Protein backbone atom coordinates (compact mmCIF):
# COMPACT_ATOMS: atom_id res chain seq x y z
CA MET A 1 -10.70 -12.33 -0.17
CA TRP A 2 -10.75 -8.43 0.94
CA PRO A 3 -12.98 -6.24 1.11
CA ARG A 4 -14.76 -4.21 -1.62
CA ILE A 5 -16.99 -0.55 -1.25
CA ASP A 6 -18.55 -0.66 -4.88
CA GLY A 7 -17.18 -2.75 -6.31
CA LEU A 8 -13.84 -1.15 -5.43
CA ARG A 9 -11.13 -3.47 -3.37
CA THR A 10 -10.42 -0.95 -0.63
CA LEU A 11 -6.38 -0.35 0.69
CA ALA A 12 -6.47 -0.74 4.56
CA LEU A 13 -2.60 0.44 5.21
CA GLY A 14 -0.95 -0.82 8.26
CA THR A 15 -2.72 -2.19 11.35
CA PRO A 16 -5.66 -0.62 13.34
CA GLY A 17 -4.31 2.63 15.26
CA GLY A 18 -1.94 4.67 15.09
CA LEU A 19 -0.22 3.20 12.34
CA ARG A 20 -2.89 3.17 10.33
CA ASP A 21 -4.16 6.85 11.15
CA ARG A 22 -0.64 7.92 10.27
CA LEU A 23 -0.07 6.45 7.05
CA ASN A 24 -3.65 7.14 5.88
CA THR A 25 -2.96 11.59 7.33
CA LEU A 26 0.48 11.00 4.79
CA VAL A 27 -1.49 9.91 1.92
CA LEU A 28 -4.55 12.31 1.86
CA THR A 29 -1.67 15.01 2.46
CA GLY A 30 0.18 13.73 -0.63
CA ALA A 31 3.54 12.72 1.68
CA LYS A 32 2.92 8.84 0.33
CA THR A 33 2.71 7.61 -2.85
CA ALA A 34 3.45 4.62 -2.68
CA THR A 35 3.28 0.79 0.29
CA ALA A 36 4.82 -1.97 -0.34
CA GLY A 37 3.53 -5.59 0.66
CA LEU A 38 3.84 -8.87 0.19
CA LEU A 39 3.08 -11.06 -2.50
CA THR A 40 2.52 -13.94 -1.01
CA GLU A 41 -0.68 -12.01 1.01
CA TYR A 42 -2.07 -11.55 -2.13
CA ALA A 43 -2.07 -15.70 -2.70
CA HIS A 44 -3.22 -16.36 0.71
CA GLU A 45 -6.52 -13.61 0.46
CA GLY A 46 -7.07 -15.47 -3.18
CA GLU A 47 -6.17 -11.77 -4.36
CA GLU A 48 -4.76 -11.12 -7.84
CA LEU A 49 -2.75 -7.72 -8.28
CA GLU A 50 -2.97 -4.81 -9.04
CA HIS A 51 -3.63 -2.76 -11.91
CA VAL A 52 -2.55 0.48 -13.93
CA GLY A 53 -5.48 2.22 -13.78
CA GLU A 54 -7.22 0.55 -10.90
CA ARG A 55 -8.86 2.80 -7.86
CA LEU A 56 -8.82 1.22 -4.73
CA VAL A 57 -10.88 2.87 -1.59
CA LEU A 58 -8.47 3.74 1.33
CA VAL A 59 -10.08 3.37 4.87
CA ASP A 60 -9.64 3.41 7.96
CA ASP A 61 -10.70 0.63 11.07
CA ALA A 62 -14.05 0.58 10.76
CA ASP A 63 -13.31 0.09 7.56
CA ALA A 64 -15.11 3.05 6.65
CA PRO A 65 -13.93 5.16 2.87
CA ILE A 66 -11.89 8.34 3.49
CA GLY A 67 -10.51 8.63 0.22
CA VAL A 68 -10.00 7.18 -3.50
CA VAL A 69 -6.65 5.96 -4.89
CA GLU A 70 -5.24 5.41 -8.01
CA ILE A 71 -2.81 2.13 -8.75
CA THR A 72 0.10 4.01 -10.79
CA ASP A 73 3.02 1.25 -11.05
CA VAL A 74 2.93 -1.96 -10.21
CA GLN A 75 6.09 -3.81 -9.53
CA VAL A 76 7.03 -6.99 -7.71
CA ARG A 77 10.67 -7.03 -6.65
CA PRO A 78 12.59 -9.24 -4.09
CA PHE A 79 12.78 -7.92 -0.58
CA ALA A 80 16.40 -7.10 -1.44
CA THR A 81 15.73 -5.10 -4.54
CA VAL A 82 14.03 -2.37 -3.37
CA PRO A 83 15.33 1.10 -4.23
CA TRP A 84 15.49 4.43 -2.50
CA GLU A 85 13.42 6.23 -4.83
CA PHE A 86 10.65 3.84 -4.22
CA ALA A 87 11.20 3.42 -0.48
CA ARG A 88 10.78 7.64 -0.14
CA ALA A 89 8.03 7.80 -2.37
CA GLU A 90 6.22 5.78 0.79
CA GLY A 91 6.60 8.82 2.67
CA GLU A 92 6.84 7.61 6.46
CA GLY A 93 9.69 9.84 7.00
CA ASP A 94 12.72 6.99 6.67
CA LYS A 95 16.21 8.89 6.18
CA SER A 96 18.04 5.87 4.16
CA LEU A 97 17.03 2.80 2.74
CA ASP A 98 18.35 0.57 5.10
CA ALA A 99 16.07 2.55 7.85
CA TRP A 100 13.44 1.94 5.37
CA ARG A 101 14.55 -2.12 4.94
CA ALA A 102 15.15 -2.36 9.20
CA GLY A 103 10.99 -1.11 9.67
CA HIS A 104 9.67 -3.22 6.84
CA LEU A 105 11.38 -6.82 8.53
CA ALA A 106 10.81 -5.75 11.63
CA TYR A 107 6.73 -4.61 10.68
CA TRP A 108 6.54 -8.48 9.10
CA ALA A 109 8.22 -9.92 12.32
CA ARG A 110 5.26 -8.47 14.30
CA GLN A 111 2.61 -9.43 11.79
CA GLY A 112 4.17 -13.83 12.05
CA GLU A 113 5.97 -12.62 9.04
CA THR A 114 9.75 -14.04 7.69
CA VAL A 115 10.88 -11.76 5.35
CA ILE A 116 14.64 -12.67 3.79
CA ASP A 117 15.85 -10.91 0.54
CA THR A 118 14.42 -12.98 -2.18
CA THR A 119 10.85 -12.36 -0.19
CA GLY A 120 8.48 -10.80 -2.85
CA ILE A 121 7.90 -7.10 -3.18
CA VAL A 122 4.88 -5.85 -3.71
CA CYS A 123 5.79 -2.38 -5.05
CA LEU A 124 2.43 -0.20 -5.71
CA ARG A 125 2.54 3.23 -6.86
CA PHE A 126 -0.86 5.59 -6.54
CA ARG A 127 -2.23 9.00 -6.38
CA LEU A 128 -4.67 10.53 -4.12
CA VAL A 129 -7.78 10.96 -6.34
CA PRO A 130 -9.56 14.05 -6.07
CA ALA A 131 -13.30 14.43 -5.06
CA ASP A 132 -14.44 15.88 -8.33
CA GLU A 133 -12.49 12.83 -10.17
CA LYS A 134 -14.21 9.91 -8.24
CA GLN A 135 -17.33 8.88 -10.09
CA HIS A 136 -15.20 8.90 -13.62
CA ASN A 137 -13.34 6.61 -14.82
CA ARG A 138 -13.96 3.19 -12.71
CA THR A 139 -12.34 0.38 -13.00
CA GLY A 140 -11.84 -3.08 -10.78
């Protein structure tokens, strides 16, 4: 099970260290409005997919909250069919869909995961919740 803060699931992007810092900065500046994960991670962790309207606590390396995001779209797609529009919304500077795919394959390989064209990818889109909205409309 993924950690919870105040009843909300946490969102820990990438791996601790420089990568997580960079990804969190992209979210906090509005450049990153999407993230991709492996469907198998949900089963392994005993977690349900996120749902539209759900809020997640964005955390840093110490699992301290640094922001809240609200899920705006959830799709499960085979890796080979993740579209450029989604890859671009991840905001990580990929210049093409091929570059996005290569980068994600390399990341998951470093995590010990083998990803093929038919591997299920959870494509989450989200918005950063402004501070004045954080106490309203909470779900989880």
